[in-house]
Amino acid sequence: MMRIASILGLLAASSWVCAQELHEAEERQVAYSVSGEYQTGITFQNRSEDVRRIYWLDYEGKRKLYSELLAGQEQRLDTYLTHPWLVTDEQDRALDVYYPDSRARVVELR
């Protein structure tokens, strides 16, 4: 019985990985955090009718989930100037990559 649960868990995890669609910047490995020197902020406002996930792309370009926004929600994040933020849909299909500005930035997601 335990073996079946383990197999089902692996299948569920692998289907999540398969559903993930990379942004071109991720595929080309050009979107990753560089420095934590210049602090700033970025606010994401979900103006769509769907769920939006916000990922920080770390120093190796790997996704780190920071927020899941329902329609109409917003989230302010403290960040650094060279840290990219990836927005996906609920199935983790990449929609766009955003970089903060030197002044706090607001991004409206559609």
PDB file of N, CA and C in Angstrom:
ATOM      1  N   MET A   1       0.821  -1.190   0.000  1.00  0.00           N
ATOM      2  CA  MET A   1       0.000   0.000   0.000  1.00  0.00           C
ATOM      3  C   MET A   1       0.868   1.257   0.000  1.00  0.00           C
ATOM      4  N   MET A   2       1.934   1.249   0.814  1.00  0.00           N
ATOM      5  CA  MET A   2       2.816   2.402   0.892  1.00  0.00           C
ATOM      6  C   MET A   2       3.522   2.638  -0.443  1.00  0.00           C
ATOM      7  N   ARG A   3       3.858   1.576  -1.135  1.00  0.00           N
ATOM      8  CA  ARG A   3       4.536   1.698  -2.432  1.00  0.00           C
ATOM      9  C   ARG A   3       3.637   2.382  -3.453  1.00  0.00           C
ATOM     10  N   ILE A   4       2.340   2.065  -3.443  1.00  0.00           N
ATOM     11  CA  ILE A   4       1.391   2.706  -4.362  1.00  0.00           C
ATOM     12  C   ILE A   4       1.309   4.197  -4.068  1.00  0.00           C
ATOM     13  N   ALA A   5       1.276   4.570  -2.792  1.00  0.00           N
ATOM     14  CA  ALA A   5       1.234   5.984  -2.418  1.00  0.00           C
ATOM     15  C   ALA A   5       2.486   6.697  -2.902  1.00  0.00           C
ATOM     16  N   SER A   6       3.650   6.044  -2.794  1.00  0.00           N
ATOM     17  CA  SER A   6       4.900   6.643  -3.270  1.00  0.00           C
ATOM     18  C   SER A   6       4.877   6.842  -4.774  1.00  0.00           C
ATOM     19  N   ILE A   7       4.381   5.861  -5.490  1.00  0.00           N
ATOM     20  CA  ILE A   7       4.303   5.955  -6.950  1.00  0.00           C
ATOM     21  C   ILE A   7       3.340   7.069  -7.347  1.00  0.00           C
ATOM     22  N   LEU A   8       2.195   7.151  -6.684  1.00  0.00           N
ATOM     23  CA  LEU A   8       1.224   8.208  -6.988  1.00  0.00           C
ATOM     24  C   LEU A   8       1.814   9.586  -6.700  1.00  0.00           C
ATOM     25  N   GLY A   9       2.575   9.684  -5.622  1.00  0.00           N
ATOM     26  CA  GLY A   9       3.234  10.952  -5.303  1.00  0.00           C
ATOM     27  C   GLY A   9       4.237  11.356  -6.372  1.00  0.00           C
ATOM     28  N   LEU A  10       5.010  10.407  -6.865  1.00  0.00           N
ATOM     29  CA  LEU A  10       5.966  10.693  -7.936  1.00  0.00           C
ATOM     30  C   LEU A  10       5.260  11.111  -9.218  1.00  0.00           C
ATOM     31  N   LEU A  11       4.171  10.434  -9.537  1.00  0.00           N
ATOM     32  CA  LEU A  11       3.409  10.798 -10.735  1.00  0.00           C
ATOM     33  C   LEU A  11       2.852  12.198 -10.627  1.00  0.00           C
ATOM     34  N   ALA A  12       2.328  12.548  -9.465  1.00  0.00           N
ATOM     35  CA  ALA A  12       1.782  13.895  -9.264  1.00  0.00           C
ATOM     36  C   ALA A  12       2.879  14.936  -9.395  1.00  0.00           C
ATOM     37  N   ALA A  13       4.036  14.672  -8.805  1.00  0.00           N
ATOM     38  CA  ALA A  13       5.153  15.612  -8.889  1.00  0.00           C
ATOM     39  C   ALA A  13       5.648  15.746 -10.317  1.00  0.00           C
ATOM     40  N   SER A  14       5.737  14.645 -11.051  1.00  0.00           N
ATOM     41  CA  SER A  14       6.236  14.710 -12.417  1.00  0.00           C
ATOM     42  C   SER A  14       5.246  15.409 -13.332  1.00  0.00           C
ATOM     43  N   SER A  15       3.956  15.292 -13.080  1.00  0.00           N
ATOM     44  CA  SER A  15       2.985  16.000 -13.918  1.00  0.00           C
ATOM     45  C   SER A  15       3.088  17.502 -13.688  1.00  0.00           C
ATOM     46  N   TRP A  16       3.416  17.918 -12.449  1.00  0.00           N
ATOM     47  CA  TRP A  16       3.595  19.341 -12.186  1.00  0.00           C
ATOM     48  C   TRP A  16       4.803  19.859 -12.956  1.00  0.00           C
ATOM     49  N   VAL A  17       5.887  19.102 -12.952  1.00  0.00           N
ATOM     50  CA  VAL A  17       7.096  19.508 -13.669  1.00  0.00           C
ATOM     51  C   VAL A  17       6.819  19.592 -15.161  1.00  0.00           C
ATOM     52  N   CYS A  18       6.069  18.637 -15.696  1.00  0.00           N
ATOM     53  CA  CYS A  18       5.763  18.643 -17.121  1.00  0.00           C
ATOM     54  C   CYS A  18       4.897  19.834 -17.500  1.00  0.00           C
ATOM     55  N   ALA A  19       4.033  20.287 -16.583  1.00  0.00           N
ATOM     56  CA  ALA A  19       3.132  21.396 -16.879  1.00  0.00           C
ATOM     57  C   ALA A  19       3.882  22.724 -16.902  1.00  0.00           C
ATOM     58  N   GLN A  20       5.027  22.780 -16.240  1.00  0.00           N
ATOM     59  CA  GLN A  20       5.782  24.016 -16.167  1.00  0.00           C
ATOM     60  C   GLN A  20       6.295  24.391 -17.549  1.00  0.00           C
ATOM     61  N   GLU A  21       6.022  25.613 -17.950  1.00  0.00           N
ATOM     62  CA  GLU A  21       6.494  26.114 -19.235  1.00  0.00           C
ATOM     63  C   GLU A  21       7.436  27.275 -18.969  1.00  0.00           C
ATOM     64  N   LEU A  22       8.648  27.174 -19.474  1.00  0.00           N
ATOM     65  CA  LEU A  22       9.662  28.188 -19.209  1.00  0.00           C
ATOM     66  C   LEU A  22       9.477  29.419 -20.083  1.00  0.00           C
ATOM     67  N   HIS A  23       9.895  30.545 -19.540  1.00  0.00           N
ATOM     68  CA  HIS A  23       9.976  31.780 -20.303  1.00  0.00           C
ATOM     69  C   HIS A  23      11.247  31.703 -21.145  1.00  0.00           C
ATOM     70  N   GLU A  24      11.264  32.363 -22.270  1.00  0.00           N
ATOM     71  CA  GLU A  24      12.445  32.349 -23.145  1.00  0.00           C
ATOM     72  C   GLU A  24      13.706  32.756 -22.387  1.00  0.00           C
ATOM     73  N   ALA A  25      13.582  33.729 -21.483  1.00  0.00           N
ATOM     74  CA  ALA A  25      14.740  34.175 -20.704  1.00  0.00           C
ATOM     75  C   ALA A  25      15.255  33.065 -19.787  1.00  0.00           C
ATOM     76  N   GLU A  26      14.343  32.200 -19.295  1.00  0.00           N
ATOM     77  CA  GLU A  26      14.764  31.054 -18.482  1.00  0.00           C
ATOM     78  C   GLU A  26      15.464  30.021 -19.357  1.00  0.00           C
ATOM     79  N   GLU A  27      14.893  29.746 -20.519  1.00  0.00           N
ATOM     80  CA  GLU A  27      15.472  28.758 -21.433  1.00  0.00           C
ATOM     81  C   GLU A  27      16.881  29.152 -21.851  1.00  0.00           C
ATOM     82  N   ARG A  28      17.060  30.432 -22.122  1.00  0.00           N
ATOM     83  CA  ARG A  28      18.370  30.921 -22.561  1.00  0.00           C
ATOM     84  C   ARG A  28      19.301  31.216 -21.394  1.00  0.00           C
ATOM     85  N   GLN A  29      18.799  31.023 -20.181  1.00  0.00           N
ATOM     86  CA  GLN A  29      19.554  31.229 -18.943  1.00  0.00           C
ATOM     87  C   GLN A  29      20.134  32.634 -18.835  1.00  0.00           C
ATOM     88  N   VAL A  30      19.306  33.625 -19.185  1.00  0.00           N
ATOM     89  CA  VAL A  30      19.742  35.017 -19.086  1.00  0.00           C
ATOM     90  C   VAL A  30      18.996  35.785 -18.000  1.00  0.00           C
ATOM     91  N   ALA A  31      18.047  35.135 -17.332  1.00  0.00           N
ATOM     92  CA  ALA A  31      17.293  35.791 -16.259  1.00  0.00           C
ATOM     93  C   ALA A  31      17.661  35.137 -14.932  1.00  0.00           C
ATOM     94  N   TYR A  32      18.446  35.842 -14.139  1.00  0.00           N
ATOM     95  CA  TYR A  32      18.837  35.374 -12.814  1.00  0.00           C
ATOM     96  C   TYR A  32      19.275  36.586 -11.992  1.00  0.00           C
ATOM     97  N   SER A  33      19.231  36.440 -10.689  1.00  0.00           N
ATOM     98  CA  SER A  33      19.632  37.528  -9.800  1.00  0.00           C
ATOM     99  C   SER A  33      21.139  37.681  -9.806  1.00  0.00           C
ATOM    100  N   VAL A  34      21.592  38.936  -9.738  1.00  0.00           N
ATOM    101  CA  VAL A  34      23.019  39.214  -9.808  1.00  0.00           C
ATOM    102  C   VAL A  34      23.567  39.709  -8.473  1.00  0.00           C
ATOM    103  N   SER A  35      22.905  40.686  -7.876  1.00  0.00           N
ATOM    104  CA  SER A  35      23.447  41.332  -6.684  1.00  0.00           C
ATOM    105  C   SER A  35      22.327  41.712  -5.725  1.00  0.00           C
ATOM    106  N   GLY A  36      22.636  41.708  -4.446  1.00  0.00           N
ATOM    107  CA  GLY A  36      21.703  42.175  -3.430  1.00  0.00           C
ATOM    108  C   GLY A  36      22.148  43.510  -2.870  1.00  0.00           C
ATOM    109  N   GLU A  37      22.726  44.342  -3.725  1.00  0.00           N
ATOM    110  CA  GLU A  37      23.328  45.598  -3.263  1.00  0.00           C
ATOM    111  C   GLU A  37      22.339  46.766  -3.219  1.00  0.00           C
ATOM    112  N   TYR A  38      21.500  46.925  -4.239  1.00  0.00           N
ATOM    113  CA  TYR A  38      20.631  48.095  -4.323  1.00  0.00           C
ATOM    114  C   TYR A  38      19.185  47.700  -4.056  1.00  0.00           C
ATOM    115  N   GLN A  39      18.694  48.087  -2.874  1.00  0.00           N
ATOM    116  CA  GLN A  39      17.354  47.700  -2.449  1.00  0.00           C
ATOM    117  C   GLN A  39      16.290  48.584  -3.103  1.00  0.00           C
ATOM    118  N   THR A  40      15.163  47.962  -3.430  1.00  0.00           N
ATOM    119  CA  THR A  40      14.023  48.664  -4.010  1.00  0.00           C
ATOM    120  C   THR A  40      12.768  47.842  -3.728  1.00  0.00           C
ATOM    121  N   GLY A  41      11.681  48.186  -4.368  1.00  0.00           N
ATOM    122  CA  GLY A  41      10.444  47.441  -4.172  1.00  0.00           C
ATOM    123  C   GLY A  41       9.712  47.268  -5.490  1.00  0.00           C
ATOM    124  N   ILE A  42       8.867  46.259  -5.538  1.00  0.00           N
ATOM    125  CA  ILE A  42       8.040  46.027  -6.718  1.00  0.00           C
ATOM    126  C   ILE A  42       6.680  45.536  -6.223  1.00  0.00           C
ATOM    127  N   THR A  43       5.619  46.069  -6.802  1.00  0.00           N
ATOM    128  CA  THR A  43       4.258  45.675  -6.436  1.00  0.00           C
ATOM    129  C   THR A  43       3.595  45.069  -7.656  1.00  0.00           C
ATOM    130  N   PHE A  44       3.014  43.901  -7.465  1.00  0.00           N
ATOM    131  CA  PHE A  44       2.266  43.244  -8.529  1.00  0.00           C
ATOM    132  C   PHE A  44       0.780  43.356  -8.219  1.00  0.00           C
ATOM    133  N   GLN A  45       0.015  43.860  -9.187  1.00  0.00           N
ATOM    134  CA  GLN A  45      -1.436  43.974  -9.072  1.00  0.00           C
ATOM    135  C   GLN A  45      -2.060  43.045 -10.100  1.00  0.00           C
ATOM    136  N   ASN A  46      -2.834  42.084  -9.621  1.00  0.00           N
ATOM    137  CA  ASN A  46      -3.453  41.128 -10.539  1.00  0.00           C
ATOM    138  C   ASN A  46      -4.760  41.713 -11.076  1.00  0.00           C
ATOM    139  N   ARG A  47      -4.711  42.243 -12.282  1.00  0.00           N
ATOM    140  CA  ARG A  47      -5.882  42.829 -12.938  1.00  0.00           C
ATOM    141  C   ARG A  47      -6.558  41.820 -13.865  1.00  0.00           C
ATOM    142  N   SER A  48      -6.058  40.596 -13.878  1.00  0.00           N
ATOM    143  CA  SER A  48      -6.674  39.557 -14.702  1.00  0.00           C
ATOM    144  C   SER A  48      -7.794  38.897 -13.907  1.00  0.00           C
ATOM    145  N   GLU A  49      -8.491  37.987 -14.531  1.00  0.00           N
ATOM    146  CA  GLU A  49      -9.537  37.230 -13.847  1.00  0.00           C
ATOM    147  C   GLU A  49      -9.028  35.856 -13.405  1.00  0.00           C
ATOM    148  N   ASP A  50      -7.730  35.643 -13.543  1.00  0.00           N
ATOM    149  CA  ASP A  50      -7.132  34.348 -13.248  1.00  0.00           C
ATOM    150  C   ASP A  50      -6.068  34.475 -12.166  1.00  0.00           C
ATOM    151  N   VAL A  51      -5.654  33.351 -11.631  1.00  0.00           N
ATOM    152  CA  VAL A  51      -4.566  33.302 -10.653  1.00  0.00           C
ATOM    153  C   VAL A  51      -3.249  33.623 -11.347  1.00  0.00           C
ATOM    154  N   ARG A  52      -2.416  34.381 -10.664  1.00  0.00           N
ATOM    155  CA  ARG A  52      -1.066  34.672 -11.135  1.00  0.00           C
ATOM    156  C   ARG A  52      -0.094  34.300 -10.031  1.00  0.00           C
ATOM    157  N   ARG A  53       0.965  33.587 -10.398  1.00  0.00           N
ATOM    158  CA  ARG A  53       2.014  33.220  -9.455  1.00  0.00           C
ATOM    159  C   ARG A  53       3.234  34.092  -9.711  1.00  0.00           C
ATOM    160  N   ILE A  54       3.846  34.522  -8.627  1.00  0.00           N
ATOM    161  CA  ILE A  54       5.020  35.387  -8.697  1.00  0.00           C
ATOM    162  C   ILE A  54       6.222  34.603  -8.164  1.00  0.00           C
ATOM    163  N   TYR A  55       7.227  34.443  -9.012  1.00  0.00           N
ATOM    164  CA  TYR A  55       8.448  33.729  -8.654  1.00  0.00           C
ATOM    165  C   TYR A  55       9.642  34.680  -8.711  1.00  0.00           C
ATOM    166  N   TRP A  56      10.512  34.588  -7.717  1.00  0.00           N
ATOM    167  CA  TRP A  56      11.815  35.229  -7.788  1.00  0.00           C
ATOM    168  C   TRP A  56      12.732  34.256  -8.512  1.00  0.00           C
ATOM    169  N   LEU A  57      13.524  34.760  -9.453  1.00  0.00           N
ATOM    170  CA  LEU A  57      14.538  33.935 -10.117  1.00  0.00           C
ATOM    171  C   LEU A  57      15.844  34.149  -9.365  1.00  0.00           C
ATOM    172  N   ASP A  58      16.307  33.111  -8.691  1.00  0.00           N
ATOM    173  CA  ASP A  58      17.452  33.228  -7.795  1.00  0.00           C
ATOM    174  C   ASP A  58      18.768  33.407  -8.566  1.00  0.00           C
ATOM    175  N   TYR A  59      19.879  33.287  -7.850  1.00  0.00           N
ATOM    176  CA  TYR A  59      21.201  33.537  -8.431  1.00  0.00           C
ATOM    177  C   TYR A  59      21.611  32.498  -9.466  1.00  0.00           C
ATOM    178  N   GLU A  60      20.881  31.388  -9.525  1.00  0.00           N
ATOM    179  CA  GLU A  60      21.119  30.365 -10.547  1.00  0.00           C
ATOM    180  C   GLU A  60      19.998  30.337 -11.580  1.00  0.00           C
ATOM    181  N   GLY A  61      19.050  31.269 -11.472  1.00  0.00           N
ATOM    182  CA  GLY A  61      17.930  31.322 -12.405  1.00  0.00           C
ATOM    183  C   GLY A  61      16.797  30.362 -12.066  1.00  0.00           C
ATOM    184  N   LYS A  62      16.818  29.806 -10.862  1.00  0.00           N
ATOM    185  CA  LYS A  62      15.788  28.866 -10.437  1.00  0.00           C
ATOM    186  C   LYS A  62      14.608  29.616  -9.816  1.00  0.00           C
ATOM    187  N   ARG A  63      13.411  29.088 -10.064  1.00  0.00           N
ATOM    188  CA  ARG A  63      12.185  29.690  -9.550  1.00  0.00           C
ATOM    189  C   ARG A  63      12.023  29.460  -8.050  1.00  0.00           C
ATOM    190  N   LYS A  64      11.661  30.545  -7.355  1.00  0.00           N
ATOM    191  CA  LYS A  64      11.321  30.481  -5.931  1.00  0.00           C
ATOM    192  C   LYS A  64       9.969  31.179  -5.780  1.00  0.00           C
ATOM    193  N   LEU A  65       8.932  30.412  -5.442  1.00  0.00           N
ATOM    194  CA  LEU A  65       7.582  30.965  -5.337  1.00  0.00           C
ATOM    195  C   LEU A  65       7.496  31.939  -4.167  1.00  0.00           C
ATOM    196  N   TYR A  66       7.022  33.155  -4.444  1.00  0.00           N
ATOM    197  CA  TYR A  66       6.863  34.166  -3.415  1.00  0.00           C
ATOM    198  C   TYR A  66       5.407  34.500  -3.153  1.00  0.00           C
ATOM    199  N   SER A  67       4.574  34.402  -4.175  1.00  0.00           N
ATOM    200  CA  SER A  67       3.201  34.826  -3.981  1.00  0.00           C
ATOM    201  C   SER A  67       2.291  34.198  -5.027  1.00  0.00           C
ATOM    202  N   GLU A  68       1.057  33.967  -4.630  1.00  0.00           N
ATOM    203  CA  GLU A  68       0.017  33.537  -5.557  1.00  0.00           C
ATOM    204  C   GLU A  68      -1.124  34.528  -5.399  1.00  0.00           C
ATOM    205  N   LEU A  69      -1.413  35.250  -6.467  1.00  0.00           N
ATOM    206  CA  LEU A  69      -2.416  36.305  -6.407  1.00  0.00           C
ATOM    207  C   LEU A  69      -3.704  35.886  -7.089  1.00  0.00           C
ATOM    208  N   LEU A  70      -4.796  35.998  -6.357  1.00  0.00           N
ATOM    209  CA  LEU A  70      -6.113  35.787  -6.951  1.00  0.00           C
ATOM    210  C   LEU A  70      -6.496  37.051  -7.707  1.00  0.00           C
ATOM    211  N   ALA A  71      -7.517  36.971  -8.531  1.00  0.00           N
ATOM    212  CA  ALA A  71      -7.997  38.141  -9.278  1.00  0.00           C
ATOM    213  C   ALA A  71      -8.253  39.293  -8.306  1.00  0.00           C
ATOM    214  N   GLY A  72      -7.718  40.467  -8.631  1.00  0.00           N
ATOM    215  CA  GLY A  72      -7.932  41.659  -7.822  1.00  0.00           C
ATOM    216  C   GLY A  72      -6.955  41.855  -6.680  1.00  0.00           C
ATOM    217  N   GLN A  73      -6.138  40.874  -6.371  1.00  0.00           N
ATOM    218  CA  GLN A  73      -5.181  41.009  -5.270  1.00  0.00           C
ATOM    219  C   GLN A  73      -3.907  41.694  -5.736  1.00  0.00           C
ATOM    220  N   GLU A  74      -3.175  42.222  -4.757  1.00  0.00           N
ATOM    221  CA  GLU A  74      -1.857  42.790  -5.054  1.00  0.00           C
ATOM    222  C   GLU A  74      -0.884  42.404  -3.955  1.00  0.00           C
ATOM    223  N   GLN A  75       0.405  42.469  -4.296  1.00  0.00           N
ATOM    224  CA  GLN A  75       1.462  42.098  -3.358  1.00  0.00           C
ATOM    225  C   GLN A  75       2.662  42.995  -3.589  1.00  0.00           C
ATOM    226  N   ARG A  76       3.132  43.646  -2.510  1.00  0.00           N
ATOM    227  CA  ARG A  76       4.358  44.428  -2.583  1.00  0.00           C
ATOM    228  C   ARG A  76       5.495  43.560  -2.075  1.00  0.00           C
ATOM    229  N   LEU A  77       6.593  43.551  -2.801  1.00  0.00           N
ATOM    230  CA  LEU A  77       7.753  42.749  -2.437  1.00  0.00           C
ATOM    231  C   LEU A  77       8.968  43.646  -2.306  1.00  0.00           C
ATOM    232  N   ASP A  78       9.714  43.466  -1.229  1.00  0.00           N
ATOM    233  CA  ASP A  78      11.016  44.117  -1.100  1.00  0.00           C
ATOM    234  C   ASP A  78      11.992  43.290  -1.914  1.00  0.00           C
ATOM    235  N   THR A  79      12.799  43.961  -2.713  1.00  0.00           N
ATOM    236  CA  THR A  79      13.682  43.244  -3.626  1.00  0.00           C
ATOM    237  C   THR A  79      14.924  44.084  -3.881  1.00  0.00           C
ATOM    238  N   TYR A  80      15.676  43.673  -4.871  1.00  0.00           N
ATOM    239  CA  TYR A  80      16.899  44.373  -5.257  1.00  0.00           C
ATOM    240  C   TYR A  80      16.870  44.641  -6.754  1.00  0.00           C
ATOM    241  N   LEU A  81      17.594  45.645  -7.159  1.00  0.00           N
ATOM    242  CA  LEU A  81      17.553  46.148  -8.524  1.00  0.00           C
ATOM    243  C   LEU A  81      17.815  45.088  -9.585  1.00  0.00           C
ATOM    244  N   THR A  82      18.678  44.148  -9.328  1.00  0.00           N
ATOM    245  CA  THR A  82      19.032  43.153 -10.359  1.00  0.00           C
ATOM    246  C   THR A  82      18.311  41.816 -10.185  1.00  0.00           C
ATOM    247  N   HIS A  83      17.224  41.802  -9.420  1.00  0.00           N
ATOM    248  CA  HIS A  83      16.496  40.554  -9.191  1.00  0.00           C
ATOM    249  C   HIS A  83      15.271  40.460 -10.099  1.00  0.00           C
ATOM    250  N   PRO A  84      15.260  39.483 -11.008  1.00  0.00           N
ATOM    251  CA  PRO A  84      14.102  39.322 -11.904  1.00  0.00           C
ATOM    252  C   PRO A  84      12.962  38.575 -11.209  1.00  0.00           C
ATOM    253  N   TRP A  85      11.741  38.924 -11.612  1.00  0.00           N
ATOM    254  CA  TRP A  85      10.527  38.304 -11.098  1.00  0.00           C
ATOM    255  C   TRP A  85       9.745  37.733 -12.264  1.00  0.00           C
ATOM    256  N   LEU A  86       9.436  36.449 -12.171  1.00  0.00           N
ATOM    257  CA  LEU A  86       8.707  35.739 -13.214  1.00  0.00           C
ATOM    258  C   LEU A  86       7.242  35.617 -12.813  1.00  0.00           C
ATOM    259  N   VAL A  87       6.350  35.896 -13.745  1.00  0.00           N
ATOM    260  CA  VAL A  87       4.914  35.733 -13.516  1.00  0.00           C
ATOM    261  C   VAL A  87       4.426  34.574 -14.375  1.00  0.00           C
ATOM    262  N   THR A  88       3.669  33.668 -13.732  1.00  0.00           N
ATOM    263  CA  THR A  88       3.098  32.530 -14.453  1.00  0.00           C
ATOM    264  C   THR A  88       1.595  32.485 -14.216  1.00  0.00           C
ATOM    265  N   ASP A  89       0.928  31.627 -14.987  1.00  0.00           N
ATOM    266  CA  ASP A  89      -0.473  31.356 -14.708  1.00  0.00           C
ATOM    267  C   ASP A  89      -0.540  30.249 -13.663  1.00  0.00           C
ATOM    268  N   GLU A  90      -1.731  29.761 -13.376  1.00  0.00           N
ATOM    269  CA  GLU A  90      -1.913  28.761 -12.331  1.00  0.00           C
ATOM    270  C   GLU A  90      -1.264  27.420 -12.671  1.00  0.00           C
ATOM    271  N   GLN A  91      -1.044  27.158 -13.960  1.00  0.00           N
ATOM    272  CA  GLN A  91      -0.387  25.919 -14.393  1.00  0.00           C
ATOM    273  C   GLN A  91       1.122  26.089 -14.542  1.00  0.00           C
ATOM    274  N   ASP A  92       1.653  27.211 -14.045  1.00  0.00           N
ATOM    275  CA  ASP A  92       3.086  27.529 -14.099  1.00  0.00           C
ATOM    276  C   ASP A  92       3.615  27.736 -15.509  1.00  0.00           C
ATOM    277  N   ARG A  93       2.752  28.173 -16.411  1.00  0.00           N
ATOM    278  CA  ARG A  93       3.211  28.568 -17.748  1.00  0.00           C
ATOM    279  C   ARG A  93       3.680  30.015 -17.661  1.00  0.00           C
ATOM    280  N   ALA A  94       4.923  30.232 -18.045  1.00  0.00           N
ATOM    281  CA  ALA A  94       5.527  31.559 -17.941  1.00  0.00           C
ATOM    282  C   ALA A  94       4.778  32.576 -18.796  1.00  0.00           C
ATOM    283  N   LEU A  95       4.519  33.740 -18.208  1.00  0.00           N
ATOM    284  CA  LEU A  95       3.863  34.825 -18.927  1.00  0.00           C
ATOM    285  C   LEU A  95       4.834  35.967 -19.225  1.00  0.00           C
ATOM    286  N   ASP A  96       5.613  36.376 -18.216  1.00  0.00           N
ATOM    287  CA  ASP A  96       6.548  37.472 -18.437  1.00  0.00           C
ATOM    288  C   ASP A  96       7.556  37.547 -17.298  1.00  0.00           C
ATOM    289  N   VAL A  97       8.663  38.237 -17.552  1.00  0.00           N
ATOM    290  CA  VAL A  97       9.694  38.477 -16.548  1.00  0.00           C
ATOM    291  C   VAL A  97       9.785  39.984 -16.343  1.00  0.00           C
ATOM    292  N   TYR A  98       9.835  40.408 -15.074  1.00  0.00           N
ATOM    293  CA  TYR A  98       9.907  41.826 -14.728  1.00  0.00           C
ATOM    294  C   TYR A  98      11.116  42.083 -13.853  1.00  0.00           C
ATOM    295  N   TYR A  99      11.770  43.216 -14.101  1.00  0.00           N
ATOM    296  CA  TYR A  99      12.856  43.676 -13.244  1.00  0.00           C
ATOM    297  C   TYR A  99      12.393  44.916 -12.497  1.00  0.00           C
ATOM    298  N   PRO A 100      12.817  45.084 -11.257  1.00  0.00           N
ATOM    299  CA  PRO A 100      12.482  46.301 -10.517  1.00  0.00           C
ATOM    300  C   PRO A 100      13.198  47.508 -11.113  1.00  0.00           C
ATOM    301  N   ASP A 101      12.695  48.673 -10.786  1.00  0.00           N
ATOM    302  CA  ASP A 101      13.338  49.936 -11.150  1.00  0.00           C
ATOM    303  C   ASP A 101      14.055  50.486  -9.925  1.00  0.00           C
ATOM    304  N   SER A 102      14.801  51.553 -10.124  1.00  0.00           N
ATOM    305  CA  SER A 102      15.518  52.161  -8.985  1.00  0.00           C
ATOM    306  C   SER A 102      14.544  52.752  -7.971  1.00  0.00           C
ATOM    307  N   ARG A 103      13.351  53.099  -8.408  1.00  0.00           N
ATOM    308  CA  ARG A 103      12.271  53.528  -7.511  1.00  0.00           C
ATOM    309  C   ARG A 103      11.223  52.440  -7.503  1.00  0.00           C
ATOM    310  N   ALA A 104      10.474  52.362  -6.418  1.00  0.00           N
ATOM    311  CA  ALA A 104       9.444  51.316  -6.316  1.00  0.00           C
ATOM    312  C   ALA A 104       8.576  51.295  -7.561  1.00  0.00           C
ATOM    313  N   ARG A 105       8.350  50.125  -8.080  1.00  0.00           N
ATOM    314  CA  ARG A 105       7.625  49.926  -9.350  1.00  0.00           C
ATOM    315  C   ARG A 105       6.316  49.213  -9.092  1.00  0.00           C
ATOM    316  N   VAL A 106       5.278  49.563  -9.886  1.00  0.00           N
ATOM    317  CA  VAL A 106       3.998  48.867  -9.841  1.00  0.00           C
ATOM    318  C   VAL A 106       3.781  48.210 -11.197  1.00  0.00           C
ATOM    319  N   VAL A 107       3.458  46.910 -11.169  1.00  0.00           N
ATOM    320  CA  VAL A 107       3.232  46.146 -12.392  1.00  0.00           C
ATOM    321  C   VAL A 107       1.785  45.651 -12.364  1.00  0.00           C
ATOM    322  N   GLU A 108       1.023  46.030 -13.382  1.00  0.00           N
ATOM    323  CA  GLU A 108      -0.345  45.537 -13.523  1.00  0.00           C
ATOM    324  C   GLU A 108      -0.341  44.300 -14.396  1.00  0.00           C
ATOM    325  N   LEU A 109      -0.803  43.194 -13.822  1.00  0.00           N
ATOM    326  CA  LEU A 109      -0.832  41.931 -14.548  1.00  0.00           C
ATOM    327  C   LEU A 109      -2.188  41.768 -15.208  1.00  0.00           C
ATOM    328  N   ARG A 110      -2.181  41.412 -16.452  1.00  0.00           N
ATOM    329  CA  ARG A 110      -3.431  41.204 -17.205  1.00  0.00           C
ATOM    330  C   ARG A 110      -3.598  39.764 -17.549  1.00  0.00           C
TER     331      ARG A 110
END
